[in-house]
Amino acid sequence: MGDSEKAGGSRVASPDGGGVEDLRLRHLGDLIDKGALDQEIFEAIAHGTLYLIGKDPRAAQGIEELRVRCKCDLRVFAGAEELLAAVAERAPSVVLLAGEAGEPGVSGILPELLVASFGVAPMPVVVFSGDSAWLTSFEALTYPQLRLVRVEQGSEGLLDALGQFMTVERTQAALQTDKLLKERIGLSKAEVIQQSLLPESIPTIPGLDIAAYYKPCQEVGGDYYDFIELPDRRLGVVCADVSGKGVGAAMVMVMFRSILRLAADRGGSPRDVVVATNRLIARDMPRGMFVSAAYMVIDPRARRVELVNAGHMPVIHWPARADLPVTVPLGGMVVGVSTSKQFTQTTRQIELTLLPGELLCLYTDGIVEAENPAREQFGEARLLEAFRLVGRVSAQETVRGVMAAVESFCDGAPSRDDTTLIIVKTS
């Protein structure tokens, strides 16, 4: 075989000609024979580059065992900035994070890794701690549907888990392709992905009555809404609008959603979440694009709402004891334009105390900018009037009533923008 040795169909260089190298090849060959690894995995891990950050002493033995067994190029980074620069220049076979998954040093790097891997092939990220680890696939188009695989003790378990990871990736890609080919109902892949990332159902939260309406203008759109269940029965509600339409806007929406959810999972106030999201997304935002967003966290037990508006349509609030709904005077810069201190300084958070029977509405400009045949816009005044007429019924009935008012005004004129409407009522 000359200067290479065959193992399970793979050709791998053997510069030392025997000893430890032969044992390594035999070990990996056995894994291939068992179906745990294939040629792609073998080549990626046997001759790959591992990036490591973190100083958990409990993980040191497992990481060193992996490095020795696989003869990998292990690069250790002292800080996150150095690691991310290396990832951006060349994606590694695996990123290793030494420490508990919830530790600040580990969880803090995950959003940055997501941004660094956006638009590229799935990048395995392994969180090592002591005698165990978690394998996470960052796949920007399907986040946060991360695939978590338990890794048994030792490097053999990790190699086996990496094999599972790649097998799942290929299987799911094949199933998705087959599904798209069979359905043939005019849905593009981008539309399927986007639809899968919108909420499948409205969360059931004691003390809250929630309803939502969403309709893209084209096959795929730039509107995004979401419900994020947080600790202590709190609920995050977000409504956002990406500049532009079509596939480009949908891709930016996916990136925004992924980063916002990661930031929300790390905790902090709505302002902290929006500021962190802007810091991460602004570096990769295509020129001329941005995201407007309103994000609020509702604590139904304390009857408190914390609200941030990043250049989005004003939130509508109808206090229980008021005769008419009002807009909340809160604004700020849109997300993705600048990472300067100006965004942080102009992003303000307010707090509302809710009584039973109060209403909050988040929406996109597709509502107020809807036009009739004479090119008149529906406008904010008509929206507030629609709430006055139908706002004291259930959330779902309110949504139906408002959208009926919009459709009646448009009188058959085609929609020119995506449309999103979210109603939250206290009970």
Protein backbone atom coordinates (compact mmCIF):
# COMPACT_ATOMS: atom_id res chain seq x y z
CA MET A 1 0.00 0.00 0.00
CA GLY A 2 3.05 2.29 -0.12
CA ASP A 3 2.92 5.20 2.29
CA SER A 4 -0.69 4.71 3.31
CA GLU A 5 -2.70 2.11 5.13
CA LYS A 6 -6.27 1.15 4.38
CA ALA A 7 -8.76 1.07 7.26
CA GLY A 8 -12.41 0.32 6.52
CA GLY A 9 -12.14 1.74 3.01
CA SER A 10 -10.34 4.94 4.04
CA ARG A 11 -6.84 5.89 3.09
CA VAL A 12 -5.00 7.59 5.93
CA ALA A 13 -1.37 8.69 5.98
CA SER A 14 0.93 6.79 8.38
CA PRO A 15 4.07 8.86 8.75
CA ASP A 16 5.43 6.93 11.72
CA GLY A 17 4.86 3.53 10.09
CA GLY A 18 3.64 1.67 13.18
CA GLY A 19 3.39 1.63 16.98
CA VAL A 20 0.86 4.08 18.34
CA GLU A 21 -0.23 5.03 14.82
CA ASP A 22 -1.08 1.41 13.98
CA LEU A 23 -3.12 1.10 17.18
CA ARG A 24 -4.97 4.29 16.35
CA LEU A 25 -5.75 3.11 12.83
CA ARG A 26 -6.89 -0.27 14.10
CA HIS A 27 -9.13 1.37 16.71
CA LEU A 28 -10.73 3.70 14.17
CA GLY A 29 -11.02 0.86 11.67
CA ASP A 30 -12.98 -1.15 14.26
CA LEU A 31 -15.33 1.78 14.75
CA ILE A 32 -15.86 2.01 11.00
CA ASP A 33 -16.60 -1.71 10.82
CA LYS A 34 -19.22 -1.28 13.54
CA GLY A 35 -20.87 1.44 11.52
CA ALA A 36 -19.98 4.13 14.05
CA LEU A 37 -17.78 6.01 11.62
CA ASP A 38 -17.49 6.29 7.87
CA GLN A 39 -14.83 7.62 5.55
CA GLU A 40 -15.78 11.27 5.99
CA ILE A 41 -15.75 11.03 9.77
CA PHE A 42 -12.53 9.07 9.79
CA GLU A 43 -10.74 11.67 7.70
CA ALA A 44 -12.23 14.61 9.57
CA ILE A 45 -11.28 13.34 13.02
CA ALA A 46 -8.07 11.46 12.27
CA HIS A 47 -6.57 14.44 10.49
CA GLY A 48 -8.75 17.25 11.73
CA THR A 49 -8.13 20.32 13.85
CA LEU A 50 -9.69 20.67 17.27
CA TYR A 51 -10.17 24.10 18.83
CA LEU A 52 -10.25 24.21 22.62
CA ILE A 53 -11.20 26.98 25.02
CA GLY A 54 -11.71 26.69 28.77
CA LYS A 55 -9.66 25.51 31.72
CA ASP A 56 -11.83 22.92 33.47
CA PRO A 57 -9.24 20.53 35.00
CA ARG A 58 -11.82 17.73 35.09
CA ALA A 59 -11.94 17.76 31.29
CA ALA A 60 -8.18 17.71 30.75
CA GLN A 61 -7.74 13.93 30.76
CA GLY A 62 -10.50 13.24 28.25
CA ILE A 63 -9.30 15.95 25.90
CA GLU A 64 -5.70 14.76 26.04
CA GLU A 65 -6.82 11.18 25.40
CA LEU A 66 -8.72 12.33 22.33
CA ARG A 67 -5.74 14.29 21.03
CA VAL A 68 -3.30 11.39 21.47
CA ARG A 69 -5.59 8.71 20.10
CA CYS A 70 -6.61 10.64 17.01
CA LYS A 71 -3.31 12.44 16.40
CA CYS A 72 -5.33 15.61 15.95
CA ASP A 73 -4.03 19.13 15.71
CA LEU A 74 -5.24 20.53 19.04
CA ARG A 75 -5.17 24.32 19.21
CA VAL A 76 -5.79 25.91 22.61
CA PHE A 77 -7.12 29.46 22.79
CA ALA A 78 -6.84 31.74 25.78
CA GLY A 79 -9.84 33.90 24.95
CA ALA A 80 -13.06 33.97 22.97
CA GLU A 81 -11.92 36.65 20.52
CA GLU A 82 -8.91 34.61 19.45
CA LEU A 83 -11.03 31.46 19.07
CA LEU A 84 -13.70 33.18 16.98
CA ALA A 85 -11.12 34.70 14.67
CA ALA A 86 -9.71 31.23 14.04
CA VAL A 87 -13.19 29.77 13.44
CA ALA A 88 -13.97 32.53 10.94
CA GLU A 89 -10.73 31.86 9.09
CA ARG A 90 -11.03 28.09 9.05
CA ALA A 91 -13.81 25.97 10.50
CA PRO A 92 -12.37 23.20 12.69
CA SER A 93 -13.48 19.58 12.81
CA VAL A 94 -14.73 20.12 16.36
CA VAL A 95 -14.83 22.96 18.89
CA LEU A 96 -14.21 21.81 22.46
CA LEU A 97 -15.53 23.87 25.39
CA ALA A 98 -14.06 22.78 28.72
CA GLY A 99 -16.53 23.39 31.54
CA GLU A 100 -20.16 22.95 32.55
CA ALA A 101 -22.67 23.89 29.85
CA GLY A 102 -24.24 26.54 32.08
CA GLU A 103 -21.03 28.20 33.16
CA PRO A 104 -20.59 31.80 31.91
CA GLY A 105 -17.33 30.96 30.17
CA VAL A 106 -19.03 28.20 28.17
CA SER A 107 -22.54 29.54 27.61
CA GLY A 108 -21.15 32.95 26.78
CA ILE A 109 -19.28 31.66 23.75
CA LEU A 110 -22.22 29.78 22.20
CA PRO A 111 -23.94 32.78 20.55
CA GLU A 112 -20.66 33.93 19.08
CA LEU A 113 -20.00 30.45 17.68
CA LEU A 114 -23.45 30.43 16.12
CA VAL A 115 -22.69 33.69 14.33
CA ALA A 116 -19.27 32.45 13.23
CA SER A 117 -20.80 29.28 11.77
CA PHE A 118 -23.77 30.98 10.10
CA GLY A 119 -24.14 29.89 6.51
CA VAL A 120 -21.55 27.12 6.65
CA ALA A 121 -21.78 23.37 7.19
CA PRO A 122 -22.91 22.17 10.65
CA MET A 123 -20.04 22.52 13.13
CA PRO A 124 -19.91 20.06 16.04
CA VAL A 125 -19.39 21.76 19.40
CA VAL A 126 -18.50 19.55 22.36
CA VAL A 127 -18.96 20.74 25.93
CA PHE A 128 -16.52 18.77 28.09
CA SER A 129 -16.74 18.49 31.85
CA GLY A 130 -15.20 15.77 33.94
CA ASP A 131 -16.12 12.31 32.66
CA SER A 132 -18.93 13.42 30.39
CA ALA A 133 -19.62 15.72 27.49
CA TRP A 134 -22.38 16.99 25.25
CA LEU A 135 -22.15 17.16 21.49
CA THR A 136 -24.02 20.04 19.92
CA SER A 137 -24.50 20.72 16.22
CA PHE A 138 -24.74 24.37 15.27
CA GLU A 139 -26.79 24.52 12.12
CA ALA A 140 -27.83 28.09 11.45
CA LEU A 141 -30.86 27.29 9.31
CA THR A 142 -32.48 25.01 11.87
CA TYR A 143 -31.38 26.53 15.17
CA PRO A 144 -32.57 26.12 17.90
CA GLN A 145 -33.32 22.54 16.88
CA LEU A 146 -29.88 21.59 18.15
CA ARG A 147 -29.04 17.91 18.23
CA LEU A 148 -27.69 16.91 21.61
CA VAL A 149 -25.90 13.56 21.84
CA ARG A 150 -24.72 12.17 25.15
CA VAL A 151 -21.02 11.35 24.96
CA GLU A 152 -19.78 8.46 27.07
CA GLN A 153 -16.52 8.64 28.98
CA GLY A 154 -13.33 8.63 26.94
CA SER A 155 -12.41 9.48 23.38
CA GLU A 156 -14.01 6.36 21.92
CA GLY A 157 -17.39 7.60 23.10
CA LEU A 158 -16.78 10.97 21.55
CA LEU A 159 -15.77 9.46 18.23
CA ASP A 160 -18.88 7.31 18.27
CA ALA A 161 -21.03 10.36 19.02
CA LEU A 162 -19.43 12.29 16.17
CA GLY A 163 -20.31 9.37 13.94
CA GLN A 164 -23.92 9.60 15.12
CA PHE A 165 -23.91 13.32 14.45
CA MET A 166 -22.84 12.96 10.83
CA THR A 167 -25.19 10.03 10.23
CA VAL A 168 -28.14 12.06 11.54
CA GLU A 169 -27.14 15.05 9.41
CA ARG A 170 -27.05 13.01 6.22
CA THR A 171 -30.26 11.10 7.02
CA GLN A 172 -32.25 14.23 7.84
CA ALA A 173 -30.96 16.02 4.77
CA ALA A 174 -32.06 13.08 2.61
CA LEU A 175 -35.50 12.97 4.25
CA GLN A 176 -35.98 16.69 3.80
CA THR A 177 -35.03 16.52 0.14
CA ASP A 178 -37.36 13.58 -0.43
CA LYS A 179 -40.20 15.39 1.31
CA LEU A 180 -39.78 18.49 -0.83
CA LEU A 181 -39.68 16.46 -4.03
CA LYS A 182 -42.81 14.52 -3.11
CA GLU A 183 -44.94 17.41 -1.92
CA ARG A 184 -44.44 19.66 -4.97
CA ILE A 185 -47.00 22.13 -3.70
CA GLY A 186 -45.09 25.27 -4.53
CA LEU A 187 -43.24 25.52 -1.22
CA SER A 188 -39.60 26.45 -1.58
CA LYS A 189 -37.02 25.03 0.81
CA ALA A 190 -36.67 28.46 2.39
CA GLU A 191 -40.40 28.58 3.04
CA VAL A 192 -40.41 25.14 4.65
CA ILE A 193 -37.52 26.14 6.89
CA GLN A 194 -39.10 29.45 7.83
CA GLN A 195 -42.49 27.92 8.60
CA SER A 196 -40.82 25.33 10.83
CA LEU A 197 -39.25 28.13 12.89
CA LEU A 198 -42.49 29.97 13.62
CA PRO A 199 -44.47 28.86 16.69
CA GLU A 200 -46.47 25.68 16.10
CA SER A 201 -48.95 26.62 18.80
CA ILE A 202 -49.81 29.35 21.27
CA PRO A 203 -48.35 28.69 24.74
CA THR A 204 -50.79 28.10 27.57
CA ILE A 205 -49.83 30.43 30.43
CA PRO A 206 -52.13 30.81 33.45
CA GLY A 207 -53.40 34.36 33.62
CA LEU A 208 -52.81 35.12 29.92
CA ASP A 209 -55.03 34.90 26.84
CA ILE A 210 -52.91 34.96 23.67
CA ALA A 211 -53.64 34.88 19.94
CA ALA A 212 -51.59 35.59 16.83
CA TYR A 213 -51.99 36.13 13.08
CA TYR A 214 -49.24 35.81 10.48
CA LYS A 215 -49.31 36.02 6.68
CA PRO A 216 -46.24 36.49 4.45
CA CYS A 217 -46.58 38.66 1.35
CA GLN A 218 -44.48 36.27 -0.76
CA GLU A 219 -43.56 32.59 -0.39
CA VAL A 220 -41.12 33.58 2.33
CA GLY A 221 -41.14 36.74 4.38
CA GLY A 222 -39.19 38.87 6.78
CA ASP A 223 -41.73 39.04 9.61
CA TYR A 224 -40.99 37.03 12.71
CA TYR A 225 -42.90 36.42 15.91
CA ASP A 226 -42.16 34.06 18.74
CA PHE A 227 -43.05 32.99 22.25
CA ILE A 228 -40.13 32.12 24.53
CA GLU A 229 -40.98 30.31 27.74
CA LEU A 230 -38.66 31.56 30.47
CA PRO A 231 -38.02 30.46 34.08
CA ASP A 232 -40.56 31.27 36.80
CA ARG A 233 -43.45 30.95 34.32
CA ARG A 234 -42.49 34.15 32.57
CA LEU A 235 -43.10 34.51 28.85
CA GLY A 236 -41.03 36.35 26.28
CA VAL A 237 -42.98 37.72 23.31
CA VAL A 238 -41.18 39.08 20.28
CA CYS A 239 -42.43 40.66 17.07
CA ALA A 240 -39.88 41.65 14.43
CA ASP A 241 -39.66 42.79 10.84
CA VAL A 242 -36.63 42.42 8.57
CA SER A 243 -36.12 45.10 5.94
CA GLY A 244 -36.90 43.80 2.49
CA LYS A 245 -38.79 40.69 1.42
CA GLY A 246 -38.19 37.24 -0.01
CA VAL A 247 -35.41 34.77 0.65
CA GLY A 248 -32.84 37.36 1.74
CA ALA A 249 -35.13 38.75 4.44
CA ALA A 250 -36.07 35.23 5.53
CA MET A 251 -32.40 34.29 5.98
CA VAL A 252 -31.75 37.37 8.11
CA MET A 253 -34.88 36.56 10.10
CA VAL A 254 -33.54 33.08 10.84
CA MET A 255 -30.23 34.50 12.06
CA PHE A 256 -32.01 37.10 14.21
CA ARG A 257 -34.28 34.46 15.74
CA SER A 258 -31.37 32.17 16.55
CA ILE A 259 -29.31 34.83 18.27
CA LEU A 260 -32.25 36.39 20.14
CA ARG A 261 -33.25 33.01 21.55
CA LEU A 262 -29.68 32.26 22.63
CA ALA A 263 -29.45 35.64 24.34
CA ALA A 264 -32.83 35.12 26.04
CA ASP A 265 -31.76 31.69 27.30
CA ARG A 266 -28.76 33.28 29.00
CA GLY A 267 -31.10 35.43 31.09
CA GLY A 268 -31.09 39.14 31.74
CA SER A 269 -33.61 41.86 31.07
CA PRO A 270 -35.28 42.40 27.68
CA ARG A 271 -32.91 45.33 27.15
CA ASP A 272 -29.90 43.09 27.85
CA VAL A 273 -31.22 40.54 25.35
CA VAL A 274 -31.77 43.08 22.57
CA VAL A 275 -28.41 44.79 23.14
CA ALA A 276 -26.60 41.41 23.04
CA THR A 277 -28.50 40.42 19.90
CA ASN A 278 -27.53 43.63 18.15
CA ARG A 279 -23.88 43.26 19.16
CA LEU A 280 -23.72 39.81 17.60
CA ILE A 281 -25.85 40.28 14.51
CA ALA A 282 -24.52 43.68 13.39
CA ARG A 283 -21.17 42.16 12.47
CA ASP A 284 -22.74 39.90 9.83
CA MET A 285 -25.76 41.92 8.70
CA PRO A 286 -25.78 42.39 4.90
CA ARG A 287 -25.31 46.00 3.89
CA GLY A 288 -28.57 47.92 3.70
CA MET A 289 -30.55 45.45 5.84
CA PHE A 290 -31.76 45.72 9.43
CA VAL A 291 -34.35 44.34 11.84
CA SER A 292 -36.95 46.27 13.80
CA ALA A 293 -38.17 44.44 16.89
CA ALA A 294 -40.38 44.77 19.95
CA TYR A 295 -39.59 42.36 22.78
CA MET A 296 -41.41 42.05 26.06
CA VAL A 297 -41.24 39.69 29.02
CA ILE A 298 -44.49 39.10 30.88
CA ASP A 299 -44.64 37.88 34.48
CA PRO A 300 -48.34 36.96 34.89
CA ARG A 301 -48.00 36.19 38.59
CA ALA A 302 -46.51 39.61 39.39
CA ARG A 303 -48.67 41.20 36.65
CA ARG A 304 -45.61 42.96 35.28
CA VAL A 305 -44.39 43.58 31.74
CA GLU A 306 -40.85 44.65 30.80
CA LEU A 307 -40.77 46.10 27.29
CA VAL A 308 -38.11 47.16 24.77
CA ASN A 309 -38.70 48.62 21.31
CA ALA A 310 -35.85 48.60 18.78
CA GLY A 311 -37.14 50.81 15.97
CA HIS A 312 -40.38 48.82 15.67
CA MET A 313 -44.04 49.82 15.44
CA PRO A 314 -45.28 51.20 18.79
CA VAL A 315 -46.84 48.64 21.13
CA ILE A 316 -50.56 49.17 21.79
CA HIS A 317 -51.75 49.05 25.41
CA TRP A 318 -55.35 49.20 26.56
CA PRO A 319 -55.48 49.66 30.34
CA ALA A 320 -58.41 48.01 32.07
CA ARG A 321 -59.79 51.29 33.40
CA ALA A 322 -59.29 53.36 30.23
CA ASP A 323 -61.92 54.05 27.60
CA LEU A 324 -59.51 53.83 24.68
CA PRO A 325 -56.31 51.97 23.76
CA VAL A 326 -53.08 53.96 23.51
CA THR A 327 -49.65 53.51 21.95
CA VAL A 328 -46.67 53.10 24.26
CA PRO A 329 -44.20 55.99 23.63
CA LEU A 330 -41.01 53.97 23.41
CA GLY A 331 -38.55 53.74 20.56
CA GLY A 332 -34.93 53.05 19.75
CA MET A 333 -32.51 52.12 16.98
CA VAL A 334 -33.15 49.18 14.68
CA VAL A 335 -31.04 46.06 15.14
CA GLY A 336 -28.07 45.30 12.92
CA VAL A 337 -27.02 48.75 11.73
CA SER A 338 -24.37 49.65 14.29
CA THR A 339 -22.42 48.06 17.13
CA SER A 340 -21.59 51.48 18.59
CA LYS A 341 -22.51 52.65 22.06
CA GLN A 342 -25.31 54.68 20.51
CA PHE A 343 -27.48 51.56 20.21
CA THR A 344 -27.00 50.72 23.88
CA GLN A 345 -27.63 54.31 24.95
CA THR A 346 -30.82 54.70 22.92
CA THR A 347 -32.31 51.31 23.83
CA ARG A 348 -34.58 51.95 26.80
CA GLN A 349 -36.74 49.56 28.78
CA ILE A 350 -40.00 50.42 30.49
CA GLU A 351 -42.15 48.47 32.91
CA LEU A 352 -45.93 48.20 32.94
CA THR A 353 -48.12 46.88 35.74
CA LEU A 354 -51.15 45.04 34.41
CA LEU A 355 -54.63 44.61 35.86
CA PRO A 356 -57.09 41.88 34.84
CA GLY A 357 -58.65 42.58 31.44
CA GLU A 358 -55.79 44.62 29.98
CA LEU A 359 -54.62 44.27 26.38
CA LEU A 360 -51.20 44.44 24.73
CA CYS A 361 -50.68 44.29 20.98
CA LEU A 362 -47.49 43.80 18.96
CA TYR A 363 -47.69 44.08 15.17
CA THR A 364 -45.71 44.81 12.02
CA ASP A 365 -46.17 47.63 9.53
CA GLY A 366 -48.06 45.31 7.18
CA ILE A 367 -51.11 46.17 9.30
CA VAL A 368 -50.98 49.97 9.30
CA GLU A 369 -49.54 50.25 5.78
CA ALA A 370 -52.18 48.00 4.20
CA GLU A 371 -53.71 49.92 1.28
CA ASN A 372 -57.13 50.11 -0.31
CA PRO A 373 -57.65 50.47 -4.11
CA ALA A 374 -57.22 54.26 -3.78
CA ARG A 375 -53.75 53.68 -2.24
CA GLU A 376 -54.85 55.03 1.16
CA GLN A 377 -53.22 53.33 4.13
CA PHE A 378 -55.11 51.71 6.99
CA GLY A 379 -53.06 53.71 9.48
CA GLU A 380 -52.70 53.81 13.25
CA ALA A 381 -55.93 55.72 13.90
CA ARG A 382 -58.05 53.02 12.19
CA LEU A 383 -56.15 50.33 14.07
CA LEU A 384 -56.91 51.96 17.43
CA GLU A 385 -60.54 52.36 16.38
CA ALA A 386 -60.71 48.66 15.46
CA PHE A 387 -59.47 47.80 18.94
CA ARG A 388 -62.07 50.08 20.48
CA LEU A 389 -64.78 48.11 18.68
CA VAL A 390 -63.51 44.57 19.27
CA GLY A 391 -60.88 44.83 21.98
CA ARG A 392 -62.89 43.73 25.00
CA VAL A 393 -63.56 40.18 23.79
CA SER A 394 -61.19 37.20 23.81
CA ALA A 395 -57.74 37.47 22.25
CA GLN A 396 -58.70 35.25 19.31
CA GLU A 397 -61.90 37.18 18.66
CA THR A 398 -59.94 40.43 18.82
CA VAL A 399 -57.49 39.15 16.20
CA ARG A 400 -60.38 38.14 13.93
CA GLY A 401 -62.09 41.49 14.40
CA VAL A 402 -58.98 43.56 13.68
CA MET A 403 -58.04 41.54 10.60
CA ALA A 404 -61.64 41.74 9.35
CA ALA A 405 -61.42 45.55 9.65
CA VAL A 406 -58.15 45.56 7.69
CA GLU A 407 -59.54 43.31 4.94
CA SER A 408 -62.72 45.37 4.69
CA PHE A 409 -60.67 48.55 4.31
CA CYS A 410 -58.40 47.00 1.65
CA ASP A 411 -61.46 45.93 -0.37
CA GLY A 412 -59.59 43.33 -2.38
CA ALA A 413 -56.40 45.33 -2.98
CA PRO A 414 -53.35 43.02 -2.96
CA SER A 415 -51.14 42.87 0.10
CA ARG A 416 -47.75 44.56 -0.35
CA ASP A 417 -46.08 43.49 2.88
CA ASP A 418 -45.92 40.69 5.43
CA THR A 419 -48.54 40.92 8.16
CA THR A 420 -48.16 39.92 11.82
CA LEU A 421 -50.48 40.66 14.75
CA ILE A 422 -50.10 39.41 18.35
CA ILE A 423 -52.67 39.99 21.07
CA VAL A 424 -51.99 39.32 24.78
CA LYS A 425 -54.71 39.82 27.37
CA THR A 426 -54.63 39.41 31.13
CA SER A 427 -57.34 37.51 32.94
